[in-house]
Amino acid sequence: MKNLLAWLDVHFEDALCGVLLVGIMIMLMAQVVVRFAFGHGLTFSEELCRFSFLYLVYFAASLVACKGAHIRVTAHTQKLPAPVRVGLLMLADLLWLGFNATVIYQGALLIDSMSTRPMVSGSMLLDLRYVYFAVPAAFTLQSFRILQRWYRHFRGGVSVLGQQEEV
């Protein structure tokens, strides 16, 4: 069990995004084959691909936050001493966490409001609360990964300055 949790800690977003991407490719291929062979497409495949892509995008953002590989403007900090750069990155991440908290809160309110007036998708008749749940779930995971990266930095394992590239 401990090995599984350690593996999930490192590879959860990788595995989820990989499964979603493969699923999208399979569904699109099935759509093309069925449309070519039978002259009409599958009714649910495009909608399922759209929803899968939505989950893929949001959880890939969490993956990038976990690795510290997201796009950020750091050219103006390159000449500063390392402790000042770390402080500025921490300030930026605190602002990012504030934004994430706002999105999580508003997403939870939206999902809660959808319980009083449920909406369903067009062809699969899926409750859209499950689709919209991707936003607060991914932003929560993203916030956890940001905090986890800083914890590892302060513990001495990983530098937050190590992943930056000049363009």
N, C-alpha and C. Protein backbone atom coordinates (compact mmCIF):
# COMPACT_ATOMS: atom_id res chain seq x y z
N MET A 1 0.83 -1.20 0.00
CA MET A 1 0.00 0.00 0.00
C MET A 1 0.87 1.26 0.00
N LYS A 2 1.95 1.21 0.79
CA LYS A 2 2.84 2.37 0.86
C LYS A 2 3.51 2.62 -0.49
N ASN A 3 3.88 1.52 -1.18
CA ASN A 3 4.50 1.66 -2.50
C ASN A 3 3.52 2.26 -3.51
N LEU A 4 2.25 1.85 -3.41
CA LEU A 4 1.23 2.40 -4.31
C LEU A 4 1.05 3.89 -4.08
N LEU A 5 0.99 4.30 -2.81
CA LEU A 5 0.83 5.72 -2.51
C LEU A 5 2.05 6.52 -2.96
N ALA A 6 3.24 5.96 -2.80
CA ALA A 6 4.45 6.64 -3.27
C ALA A 6 4.43 6.77 -4.78
N TRP A 7 3.99 5.71 -5.46
CA TRP A 7 3.91 5.76 -6.92
C TRP A 7 2.89 6.80 -7.37
N LEU A 8 1.72 6.81 -6.72
CA LEU A 8 0.69 7.79 -7.07
C LEU A 8 1.16 9.22 -6.80
N ASP A 9 1.94 9.41 -5.74
CA ASP A 9 2.46 10.73 -5.44
C ASP A 9 3.31 11.27 -6.58
N VAL A 10 4.05 10.39 -7.21
CA VAL A 10 4.95 10.80 -8.30
C VAL A 10 4.25 10.78 -9.65
N HIS A 11 3.38 9.80 -9.88
CA HIS A 11 2.88 9.54 -11.24
C HIS A 11 1.38 9.71 -11.43
N PHE A 12 0.63 10.20 -10.45
CA PHE A 12 -0.83 10.25 -10.58
C PHE A 12 -1.26 11.05 -11.81
N GLU A 13 -0.77 12.28 -11.93
CA GLU A 13 -1.17 13.12 -13.05
C GLU A 13 -0.68 12.56 -14.37
N ASP A 14 0.54 12.00 -14.39
CA ASP A 14 1.06 11.38 -15.62
C ASP A 14 0.13 10.26 -16.09
N ALA A 15 -0.23 9.38 -15.16
CA ALA A 15 -1.08 8.24 -15.51
C ALA A 15 -2.47 8.70 -15.94
N LEU A 16 -3.06 9.63 -15.19
CA LEU A 16 -4.40 10.11 -15.53
C LEU A 16 -4.41 10.79 -16.90
N CYS A 17 -3.44 11.65 -17.15
CA CYS A 17 -3.38 12.34 -18.44
C CYS A 17 -3.11 11.36 -19.58
N GLY A 18 -2.27 10.36 -19.33
CA GLY A 18 -2.01 9.35 -20.35
C GLY A 18 -3.25 8.55 -20.69
N VAL A 19 -3.99 8.13 -19.67
CA VAL A 19 -5.23 7.37 -19.89
C VAL A 19 -6.24 8.23 -20.64
N LEU A 20 -6.38 9.48 -20.24
CA LEU A 20 -7.34 10.36 -20.92
C LEU A 20 -6.95 10.59 -22.38
N LEU A 21 -5.65 10.80 -22.64
CA LEU A 21 -5.21 11.03 -24.01
C LEU A 21 -5.42 9.79 -24.88
N VAL A 22 -5.09 8.62 -24.36
CA VAL A 22 -5.32 7.39 -25.11
C VAL A 22 -6.81 7.18 -25.35
N GLY A 23 -7.63 7.44 -24.34
CA GLY A 23 -9.08 7.32 -24.50
C GLY A 23 -9.62 8.24 -25.57
N ILE A 24 -9.13 9.47 -25.59
CA ILE A 24 -9.56 10.42 -26.63
C ILE A 24 -9.17 9.91 -28.01
N MET A 25 -7.94 9.42 -28.13
CA MET A 25 -7.49 8.92 -29.44
C MET A 25 -8.32 7.72 -29.89
N ILE A 26 -8.63 6.81 -28.98
CA ILE A 26 -9.43 5.63 -29.33
C ILE A 26 -10.84 6.04 -29.75
N MET A 27 -11.44 6.96 -28.99
CA MET A 27 -12.80 7.40 -29.33
C MET A 27 -12.84 8.13 -30.67
N LEU A 28 -11.85 8.97 -30.94
CA LEU A 28 -11.82 9.67 -32.23
C LEU A 28 -11.60 8.69 -33.38
N MET A 29 -10.74 7.70 -33.16
CA MET A 29 -10.52 6.69 -34.20
C MET A 29 -11.79 5.88 -34.44
N ALA A 30 -12.48 5.51 -33.37
CA ALA A 30 -13.74 4.77 -33.51
C ALA A 30 -14.76 5.62 -34.26
N GLN A 31 -14.80 6.90 -33.96
CA GLN A 31 -15.73 7.81 -34.64
C GLN A 31 -15.45 7.84 -36.15
N VAL A 32 -14.18 7.92 -36.51
CA VAL A 32 -13.80 7.96 -37.93
C VAL A 32 -14.16 6.64 -38.62
N VAL A 33 -13.84 5.52 -37.98
CA VAL A 33 -14.11 4.21 -38.58
C VAL A 33 -15.61 4.00 -38.75
N VAL A 34 -16.39 4.29 -37.73
CA VAL A 34 -17.84 4.09 -37.80
C VAL A 34 -18.45 5.02 -38.84
N ARG A 35 -18.00 6.25 -38.89
CA ARG A 35 -18.54 7.20 -39.88
C ARG A 35 -18.19 6.73 -41.30
N PHE A 36 -16.96 6.24 -41.50
CA PHE A 36 -16.55 5.78 -42.82
C PHE A 36 -17.27 4.48 -43.20
N ALA A 37 -17.38 3.55 -42.26
CA ALA A 37 -17.96 2.24 -42.56
C ALA A 37 -19.48 2.27 -42.67
N PHE A 38 -20.15 3.04 -41.83
CA PHE A 38 -21.61 2.99 -41.76
C PHE A 38 -22.28 4.27 -42.22
N GLY A 39 -21.52 5.30 -42.49
CA GLY A 39 -22.11 6.53 -43.01
C GLY A 39 -22.68 7.47 -41.97
N HIS A 40 -22.63 7.11 -40.71
CA HIS A 40 -23.07 8.02 -39.64
C HIS A 40 -22.19 7.77 -38.42
N GLY A 41 -22.03 8.79 -37.63
CA GLY A 41 -21.11 8.71 -36.50
C GLY A 41 -21.75 8.21 -35.22
N LEU A 42 -20.91 7.96 -34.25
CA LEU A 42 -21.38 7.60 -32.92
C LEU A 42 -21.97 8.85 -32.26
N THR A 43 -23.03 8.68 -31.53
CA THR A 43 -23.68 9.86 -30.94
C THR A 43 -22.95 10.39 -29.72
N PHE A 44 -22.22 9.55 -29.05
CA PHE A 44 -21.64 9.98 -27.77
C PHE A 44 -20.15 10.29 -27.85
N SER A 45 -19.47 9.88 -28.91
CA SER A 45 -18.01 9.95 -28.90
C SER A 45 -17.47 11.38 -28.88
N GLU A 46 -18.08 12.28 -29.63
CA GLU A 46 -17.58 13.65 -29.64
C GLU A 46 -17.77 14.31 -28.28
N GLU A 47 -18.89 14.07 -27.65
CA GLU A 47 -19.15 14.64 -26.34
C GLU A 47 -18.20 14.05 -25.29
N LEU A 48 -17.99 12.76 -25.35
CA LEU A 48 -17.07 12.12 -24.42
C LEU A 48 -15.65 12.63 -24.62
N CYS A 49 -15.25 12.82 -25.86
CA CYS A 49 -13.92 13.38 -26.15
C CYS A 49 -13.80 14.80 -25.60
N ARG A 50 -14.84 15.59 -25.76
CA ARG A 50 -14.82 16.96 -25.23
C ARG A 50 -14.65 16.97 -23.72
N PHE A 51 -15.41 16.13 -23.03
CA PHE A 51 -15.32 16.07 -21.57
C PHE A 51 -13.97 15.52 -21.13
N SER A 52 -13.48 14.51 -21.83
CA SER A 52 -12.16 13.95 -21.51
C SER A 52 -11.06 14.98 -21.72
N PHE A 53 -11.18 15.76 -22.78
CA PHE A 53 -10.19 16.79 -23.06
C PHE A 53 -10.20 17.85 -21.97
N LEU A 54 -11.38 18.19 -21.48
CA LEU A 54 -11.49 19.15 -20.39
C LEU A 54 -10.73 18.64 -19.16
N TYR A 55 -10.97 17.40 -18.78
CA TYR A 55 -10.25 16.82 -17.65
C TYR A 55 -8.75 16.77 -17.93
N LEU A 56 -8.38 16.41 -19.15
CA LEU A 56 -6.97 16.34 -19.53
C LEU A 56 -6.28 17.69 -19.35
N VAL A 57 -6.89 18.75 -19.81
CA VAL A 57 -6.28 20.08 -19.72
C VAL A 57 -6.09 20.49 -18.27
N TYR A 58 -7.12 20.35 -17.47
CA TYR A 58 -7.02 20.80 -16.08
C TYR A 58 -6.04 19.96 -15.26
N PHE A 59 -6.02 18.65 -15.46
CA PHE A 59 -5.09 17.83 -14.69
C PHE A 59 -3.68 17.90 -15.25
N ALA A 60 -3.52 18.24 -16.53
CA ALA A 60 -2.18 18.50 -17.05
C ALA A 60 -1.61 19.77 -16.44
N ALA A 61 -2.45 20.75 -16.15
CA ALA A 61 -1.99 21.96 -15.45
C ALA A 61 -1.47 21.59 -14.07
N SER A 62 -2.11 20.65 -13.42
CA SER A 62 -1.64 20.18 -12.12
C SER A 62 -0.30 19.46 -12.26
N LEU A 63 -0.16 18.69 -13.32
CA LEU A 63 1.10 17.99 -13.59
C LEU A 63 2.24 18.99 -13.76
N VAL A 64 2.00 20.03 -14.51
CA VAL A 64 3.03 21.04 -14.75
C VAL A 64 3.35 21.80 -13.47
N ALA A 65 2.35 22.07 -12.65
CA ALA A 65 2.59 22.73 -11.36
C ALA A 65 3.42 21.84 -10.45
N CYS A 66 3.18 20.54 -10.51
CA CYS A 66 3.94 19.59 -9.70
C CYS A 66 5.42 19.61 -10.07
N LYS A 67 5.70 19.70 -11.34
CA LYS A 67 7.08 19.68 -11.81
C LYS A 67 7.71 21.07 -11.82
N GLY A 68 6.92 22.11 -11.57
CA GLY A 68 7.44 23.47 -11.61
C GLY A 68 7.85 23.88 -13.01
N ALA A 69 7.20 23.33 -14.01
CA ALA A 69 7.59 23.56 -15.40
C ALA A 69 6.63 24.47 -16.14
N HIS A 70 5.78 25.17 -15.44
CA HIS A 70 4.82 26.06 -16.08
C HIS A 70 5.53 27.32 -16.57
N ILE A 71 4.86 28.03 -17.42
CA ILE A 71 5.43 29.25 -17.99
C ILE A 71 5.32 30.36 -16.95
N ARG A 72 6.44 31.00 -16.68
CA ARG A 72 6.42 32.20 -15.85
C ARG A 72 7.53 33.13 -16.32
N VAL A 73 7.29 34.39 -16.16
CA VAL A 73 8.26 35.40 -16.58
C VAL A 73 9.25 35.59 -15.43
N THR A 74 10.51 35.23 -15.67
CA THR A 74 11.52 35.35 -14.63
C THR A 74 12.76 36.10 -15.10
N ALA A 75 12.71 36.66 -16.30
CA ALA A 75 13.89 37.34 -16.84
C ALA A 75 14.31 38.51 -15.95
N HIS A 76 13.36 39.19 -15.36
CA HIS A 76 13.67 40.34 -14.52
C HIS A 76 14.29 39.95 -13.18
N THR A 77 14.27 38.69 -12.84
CA THR A 77 14.82 38.25 -11.55
C THR A 77 16.18 37.56 -11.69
N GLN A 78 16.66 37.36 -12.91
CA GLN A 78 17.88 36.57 -13.11
C GLN A 78 19.12 37.21 -12.48
N LYS A 79 19.17 38.51 -12.39
CA LYS A 79 20.34 39.20 -11.83
C LYS A 79 20.27 39.34 -10.31
N LEU A 80 19.16 38.95 -9.72
CA LEU A 80 19.00 39.08 -8.28
C LEU A 80 19.65 37.90 -7.56
N PRO A 81 20.03 38.09 -6.31
CA PRO A 81 20.58 36.97 -5.53
C PRO A 81 19.52 35.87 -5.36
N ALA A 82 19.99 34.65 -5.20
CA ALA A 82 19.09 33.49 -5.11
C ALA A 82 18.04 33.63 -4.01
N PRO A 83 18.37 34.10 -2.81
CA PRO A 83 17.31 34.22 -1.79
C PRO A 83 16.20 35.19 -2.19
N VAL A 84 16.55 36.26 -2.90
CA VAL A 84 15.54 37.22 -3.34
C VAL A 84 14.67 36.59 -4.42
N ARG A 85 15.29 35.84 -5.33
CA ARG A 85 14.51 35.15 -6.37
C ARG A 85 13.55 34.15 -5.75
N VAL A 86 14.01 33.40 -4.76
CA VAL A 86 13.15 32.44 -4.07
C VAL A 86 11.98 33.17 -3.41
N GLY A 87 12.26 34.31 -2.79
CA GLY A 87 11.20 35.09 -2.16
C GLY A 87 10.17 35.59 -3.16
N LEU A 88 10.65 36.04 -4.33
CA LEU A 88 9.71 36.50 -5.36
C LEU A 88 8.89 35.34 -5.92
N LEU A 89 9.53 34.19 -6.10
CA LEU A 89 8.78 33.01 -6.56
C LEU A 89 7.74 32.59 -5.53
N MET A 90 8.10 32.70 -4.26
CA MET A 90 7.14 32.35 -3.20
C MET A 90 5.96 33.32 -3.22
N LEU A 91 6.24 34.60 -3.40
CA LEU A 91 5.16 35.59 -3.49
C LEU A 91 4.25 35.28 -4.68
N ALA A 92 4.85 34.97 -5.82
CA ALA A 92 4.06 34.64 -7.01
C ALA A 92 3.21 33.39 -6.76
N ASP A 93 3.80 32.39 -6.11
CA ASP A 93 3.04 31.17 -5.82
C ASP A 93 1.94 31.41 -4.80
N LEU A 94 2.17 32.31 -3.85
CA LEU A 94 1.10 32.66 -2.90
C LEU A 94 -0.07 33.33 -3.61
N LEU A 95 0.25 34.20 -4.57
CA LEU A 95 -0.82 34.82 -5.38
C LEU A 95 -1.55 33.75 -6.20
N TRP A 96 -0.78 32.82 -6.74
CA TRP A 96 -1.35 31.72 -7.51
C TRP A 96 -2.27 30.87 -6.62
N LEU A 97 -1.83 30.58 -5.40
CA LEU A 97 -2.67 29.82 -4.47
C LEU A 97 -3.95 30.58 -4.12
N GLY A 98 -3.85 31.90 -4.01
CA GLY A 98 -5.05 32.71 -3.77
C GLY A 98 -6.02 32.61 -4.93
N PHE A 99 -5.49 32.67 -6.15
CA PHE A 99 -6.34 32.51 -7.33
C PHE A 99 -6.98 31.12 -7.34
N ASN A 100 -6.16 30.10 -7.04
CA ASN A 100 -6.69 28.73 -6.99
C ASN A 100 -7.80 28.60 -5.96
N ALA A 101 -7.62 29.21 -4.79
CA ALA A 101 -8.65 29.14 -3.74
C ALA A 101 -9.94 29.78 -4.23
N THR A 102 -9.84 30.88 -4.96
CA THR A 102 -11.03 31.54 -5.50
C THR A 102 -11.74 30.63 -6.51
N VAL A 103 -10.96 30.01 -7.39
CA VAL A 103 -11.55 29.11 -8.40
C VAL A 103 -12.19 27.90 -7.73
N ILE A 104 -11.53 27.34 -6.73
CA ILE A 104 -12.08 26.18 -6.01
C ILE A 104 -13.40 26.56 -5.34
N TYR A 105 -13.42 27.70 -4.67
CA TYR A 105 -14.62 28.14 -3.97
C TYR A 105 -15.76 28.40 -4.95
N GLN A 106 -15.49 29.14 -6.00
CA GLN A 106 -16.53 29.44 -6.99
C GLN A 106 -16.99 28.18 -7.72
N GLY A 107 -16.05 27.26 -7.99
CA GLY A 107 -16.42 25.99 -8.61
C GLY A 107 -17.32 25.16 -7.73
N ALA A 108 -17.02 25.15 -6.43
CA ALA A 108 -17.87 24.42 -5.48
C ALA A 108 -19.26 25.05 -5.41
N LEU A 109 -19.32 26.38 -5.43
CA LEU A 109 -20.63 27.05 -5.44
C LEU A 109 -21.42 26.70 -6.70
N LEU A 110 -20.73 26.67 -7.84
CA LEU A 110 -21.40 26.33 -9.10
C LEU A 110 -21.95 24.91 -9.06
N ILE A 111 -21.14 23.98 -8.60
CA ILE A 111 -21.59 22.59 -8.53
C ILE A 111 -22.75 22.45 -7.56
N ASP A 112 -22.67 23.16 -6.44
CA ASP A 112 -23.77 23.12 -5.47
C ASP A 112 -25.05 23.69 -6.07
N SER A 113 -24.93 24.79 -6.81
CA SER A 113 -26.13 25.38 -7.43
C SER A 113 -26.70 24.46 -8.51
N MET A 114 -25.85 23.65 -9.12
CA MET A 114 -26.33 22.73 -10.14
C MET A 114 -27.10 21.56 -9.54
N SER A 115 -26.97 21.36 -8.23
CA SER A 115 -27.73 20.27 -7.61
C SER A 115 -29.20 20.65 -7.47
N THR A 116 -29.50 21.95 -7.39
CA THR A 116 -30.90 22.37 -7.31
C THR A 116 -31.55 22.42 -8.69
N ARG A 117 -30.74 22.74 -9.70
CA ARG A 117 -31.23 22.76 -11.08
C ARG A 117 -30.28 21.93 -11.94
N PRO A 118 -30.44 20.61 -11.93
CA PRO A 118 -29.50 19.77 -12.67
C PRO A 118 -29.56 20.00 -14.18
N MET A 119 -28.40 19.88 -14.80
CA MET A 119 -28.30 19.97 -16.25
C MET A 119 -27.66 18.67 -16.73
N VAL A 120 -28.07 18.22 -17.90
CA VAL A 120 -27.50 17.00 -18.46
C VAL A 120 -26.92 17.31 -19.83
N SER A 121 -25.94 16.51 -20.21
CA SER A 121 -25.32 16.69 -21.52
C SER A 121 -26.27 16.23 -22.62
N GLY A 122 -26.00 16.69 -23.82
CA GLY A 122 -26.92 16.46 -24.93
C GLY A 122 -27.09 15.02 -25.36
N SER A 123 -26.01 14.31 -25.61
CA SER A 123 -26.17 12.97 -26.16
C SER A 123 -25.98 11.86 -25.13
N MET A 124 -25.14 12.08 -24.14
CA MET A 124 -24.90 11.02 -23.15
C MET A 124 -25.82 11.13 -21.94
N LEU A 125 -26.53 12.23 -21.82
CA LEU A 125 -27.42 12.49 -20.69
C LEU A 125 -26.68 12.36 -19.35
N LEU A 126 -25.44 12.83 -19.34
CA LEU A 126 -24.60 12.81 -18.15
C LEU A 126 -24.84 14.06 -17.34
N ASP A 127 -24.97 13.92 -16.04
CA ASP A 127 -25.12 15.06 -15.15
C ASP A 127 -23.87 15.93 -15.26
N LEU A 128 -24.04 17.18 -15.64
CA LEU A 128 -22.90 18.05 -15.89
C LEU A 128 -22.13 18.43 -14.63
N ARG A 129 -22.67 18.12 -13.47
CA ARG A 129 -21.89 18.35 -12.24
C ARG A 129 -20.61 17.53 -12.27
N TYR A 130 -20.65 16.32 -12.86
CA TYR A 130 -19.46 15.49 -12.94
C TYR A 130 -18.43 16.09 -13.89
N VAL A 131 -18.89 16.75 -14.91
CA VAL A 131 -17.98 17.41 -15.84
C VAL A 131 -17.38 18.65 -15.20
N TYR A 132 -18.21 19.46 -14.58
CA TYR A 132 -17.75 20.70 -13.96
C TYR A 132 -16.87 20.44 -12.74
N PHE A 133 -16.98 19.25 -12.16
CA PHE A 133 -16.17 18.89 -11.00
C PHE A 133 -14.68 18.90 -11.33
N ALA A 134 -14.34 18.79 -12.61
CA ALA A 134 -12.93 18.80 -13.01
C ALA A 134 -12.23 20.07 -12.56
N VAL A 135 -12.93 21.19 -12.59
CA VAL A 135 -12.29 22.48 -12.27
C VAL A 135 -11.88 22.55 -10.81
N PRO A 136 -12.78 22.44 -9.83
CA PRO A 136 -12.30 22.52 -8.45
C PRO A 136 -11.38 21.37 -8.06
N ALA A 137 -11.60 20.19 -8.61
CA ALA A 137 -10.74 19.05 -8.27
C ALA A 137 -9.31 19.29 -8.76
N ALA A 138 -9.16 19.72 -10.00
CA ALA A 138 -7.83 19.94 -10.55
C ALA A 138 -7.13 21.12 -9.88
N PHE A 139 -7.87 22.18 -9.57
CA PHE A 139 -7.25 23.32 -8.89
C PHE A 139 -6.87 22.97 -7.46
N THR A 140 -7.62 22.09 -6.81
CA THR A 140 -7.24 21.62 -5.48
C THR A 140 -5.96 20.81 -5.55
N LEU A 141 -5.89 19.91 -6.52
CA LEU A 141 -4.68 19.11 -6.69
C LEU A 141 -3.50 20.00 -7.07
N GLN A 142 -3.74 20.99 -7.91
CA GLN A 142 -2.70 21.94 -8.30
C GLN A 142 -2.15 22.68 -7.08
N SER A 143 -3.04 23.13 -6.21
CA SER A 143 -2.62 23.82 -4.99
C SER A 143 -1.81 22.89 -4.10
N PHE A 144 -2.26 21.65 -3.97
CA PHE A 144 -1.51 20.68 -3.18
C PHE A 144 -0.11 20.48 -3.74
N ARG A 145 0.00 20.39 -5.06
CA ARG A 145 1.31 20.18 -5.70
C ARG A 145 2.23 21.39 -5.52
N ILE A 146 1.67 22.59 -5.56
CA ILE A 146 2.48 23.79 -5.33
C ILE A 146 3.02 23.77 -3.91
N LEU A 147 2.15 23.50 -2.95
CA LEU A 147 2.58 23.43 -1.55
C LEU A 147 3.58 22.30 -1.33
N GLN A 148 3.37 21.20 -2.00
CA GLN A 148 4.28 20.07 -1.89
C GLN A 148 5.66 20.43 -2.43
N ARG A 149 5.72 21.15 -3.54
CA ARG A 149 7.00 21.56 -4.11
C ARG A 149 7.75 22.47 -3.14
N TRP A 150 7.04 23.41 -2.51
CA TRP A 150 7.68 24.30 -1.54
C TRP A 150 8.12 23.54 -0.30
N TYR A 151 7.33 22.58 0.13
CA TYR A 151 7.72 21.75 1.28
C TYR A 151 9.03 21.03 0.97
N ARG A 152 9.12 20.44 -0.21
CA ARG A 152 10.34 19.72 -0.60
C ARG A 152 11.52 20.69 -0.72
N HIS A 153 11.25 21.90 -1.17
CA HIS A 153 12.32 22.91 -1.26
C HIS A 153 12.87 23.23 0.12
N PHE A 154 12.00 23.51 1.07
CA PHE A 154 12.44 23.89 2.41
C PHE A 154 13.03 22.72 3.18
N ARG A 155 12.60 21.52 2.83
CA ARG A 155 13.17 20.34 3.46
C ARG A 155 14.56 20.04 2.92
N GLY A 156 14.90 20.67 1.80
CA GLY A 156 16.24 20.51 1.23
C GLY A 156 16.33 19.53 0.09
N GLY A 157 15.21 19.06 -0.41
CA GLY A 157 15.25 18.06 -1.46
C GLY A 157 15.34 18.61 -2.87
N VAL A 158 14.55 19.63 -3.18
CA VAL A 158 14.45 20.13 -4.54
C VAL A 158 14.47 21.65 -4.51
N SER A 159 15.26 22.25 -5.39
CA SER A 159 15.29 23.70 -5.47
C SER A 159 14.17 24.19 -6.38
N VAL A 160 13.50 25.24 -5.98
CA VAL A 160 12.46 25.81 -6.84
C VAL A 160 13.06 26.59 -7.99
N LEU A 161 14.35 26.88 -7.93
CA LEU A 161 15.02 27.61 -9.00
C LEU A 161 15.58 26.68 -10.07
N GLY A 162 15.60 25.39 -9.83
CA GLY A 162 16.29 24.45 -10.71
C GLY A 162 15.62 24.18 -12.03
N GLN A 163 14.32 24.42 -12.17
CA GLN A 163 13.58 24.01 -13.36
C GLN A 163 13.45 25.11 -14.40
N GLN A 164 14.06 26.25 -14.20
CA GLN A 164 13.82 27.38 -15.09
C GLN A 164 14.78 27.35 -16.28
N GLU A 165 14.26 27.72 -17.42
CA GLU A 165 15.06 27.79 -18.64
C GLU A 165 14.97 29.19 -19.21
N GLU A 166 16.05 29.60 -19.85
CA GLU A 166 16.02 30.90 -20.53
C GLU A 166 15.55 30.70 -21.95
N VAL A 167 14.78 31.65 -22.42
CA VAL A 167 14.28 31.59 -23.79
C VAL A 167 14.81 32.78 -24.54
